[in-house]
Amino acid sequence: MAKLTINSLLREAVSVSGKNLPSGKWMEVEANSVVALIRALEKLYPGCGPALTTASVAIDGDIYSDALTEPLDELSEVVFVPSIEGG
């Protein structure tokens, strides 16, 4: 199971479902890739997928802007990172 950091971006994305995330800083989700993680979260919290697919993802401290196909294992630590807009 991937270890997912519960941050403000994830809370905001999940809020559209009307459900609350578990209390604490982490949750574990069974997934072998980022896209599988987003699909699992979408099943638990319908409507959160669009916001998460557009976010950058940090996996074990490395940030990916296009991480959907990146593999995860049971030790992976994942954080959805909000996009930074600038001009």
Protein backbone atom coordinates (compact mmCIF):
# COMPACT_ATOMS: atom_id res chain seq x y z
CA MET A 1 0.00 0.00 0.00
CA ALA A 2 1.23 3.46 -0.86
CA LYS A 3 1.46 5.93 2.01
CA LEU A 4 -0.37 9.12 1.03
CA THR A 5 0.22 12.43 2.78
CA ILE A 6 -3.02 14.19 3.64
CA ASN A 7 -2.44 17.85 2.79
CA SER A 8 -4.63 20.84 1.96
CA LEU A 9 -4.70 20.04 -1.79
CA LEU A 10 -5.96 16.52 -1.14
CA ARG A 11 -8.53 17.79 1.39
CA GLU A 12 -9.78 20.38 -1.10
CA ALA A 13 -10.02 17.82 -3.92
CA VAL A 14 -11.90 15.36 -1.72
CA SER A 15 -14.27 18.01 -0.35
CA VAL A 16 -16.36 17.82 -3.55
CA SER A 17 -17.43 14.31 -2.48
CA GLY A 18 -18.91 15.58 0.78
CA LYS A 19 -16.83 13.02 2.68
CA ASN A 20 -13.98 13.56 5.09
CA LEU A 21 -10.49 12.11 4.88
CA PRO A 22 -9.24 10.06 7.83
CA SER A 23 -7.79 12.07 10.69
CA GLY A 24 -4.03 12.18 10.87
CA LYS A 25 -1.26 13.07 8.44
CA TRP A 26 -1.23 9.86 6.39
CA MET A 27 -3.51 7.32 4.81
CA GLU A 28 -2.65 4.09 3.05
CA VAL A 29 -4.13 3.20 -0.32
CA GLU A 30 -3.53 0.06 -2.34
CA ALA A 31 -2.17 1.10 -5.74
CA ASN A 32 0.73 0.12 -8.00
CA SER A 33 0.84 3.41 -9.97
CA VAL A 34 -0.24 7.00 -9.54
CA VAL A 35 -3.18 6.54 -11.92
CA ALA A 36 -4.31 3.51 -9.89
CA LEU A 37 -4.00 5.62 -6.74
CA ILE A 38 -6.18 8.35 -8.23
CA ARG A 39 -8.75 5.75 -9.37
CA ALA A 40 -8.84 4.24 -5.86
CA LEU A 41 -9.32 7.70 -4.34
CA GLU A 42 -12.03 8.48 -6.91
CA LYS A 43 -13.93 5.37 -5.77
CA LEU A 44 -13.66 6.42 -2.13
CA TYR A 45 -14.27 10.14 -2.77
CA PRO A 46 -16.24 10.60 -6.02
CA GLY A 47 -15.32 13.76 -7.90
CA CYS A 48 -11.79 14.20 -6.55
CA GLY A 49 -10.05 12.76 -9.62
CA PRO A 50 -9.95 15.82 -11.88
CA ALA A 51 -8.13 17.97 -9.33
CA LEU A 52 -5.64 15.21 -8.56
CA THR A 53 -4.82 14.38 -12.19
CA THR A 54 -3.75 17.97 -12.83
CA ALA A 55 -1.54 18.21 -9.73
CA SER A 56 2.15 17.43 -9.63
CA VAL A 57 3.04 14.39 -7.55
CA ALA A 58 5.97 13.81 -5.23
CA ILE A 59 6.96 10.16 -4.88
CA ASP A 60 9.55 9.43 -2.22
CA GLY A 61 10.67 13.07 -2.39
CA ASP A 62 11.01 13.31 -6.19
CA ILE A 63 8.50 15.64 -7.88
CA TYR A 64 6.90 14.64 -11.19
CA SER A 65 4.74 16.94 -13.31
CA ASP A 66 3.42 14.00 -15.36
CA ALA A 67 3.35 11.13 -12.89
CA LEU A 68 0.30 9.11 -13.92
CA THR A 69 2.32 6.11 -15.10
CA GLU A 70 4.93 6.25 -12.36
CA PRO A 71 5.06 2.97 -10.40
CA LEU A 72 4.32 2.73 -6.70
CA ASP A 73 5.14 -0.01 -4.23
CA GLU A 74 4.16 -0.74 -0.64
CA LEU A 75 6.88 1.60 0.65
CA SER A 76 6.10 4.55 -1.65
CA GLU A 77 5.32 7.87 0.03
CA VAL A 78 3.11 10.06 -2.16
CA VAL A 79 2.16 13.73 -1.91
CA PHE A 80 -0.07 15.62 -4.34
CA VAL A 81 1.56 19.01 -4.92
CA PRO A 82 -0.49 22.03 -6.07
CA SER A 83 0.56 23.57 -9.35
CA ILE A 84 2.24 26.93 -9.00
CA GLU A 85 0.97 29.55 -11.38
CA GLY A 86 3.06 32.48 -12.41
CA GLY A 87 3.52 34.89 -15.15
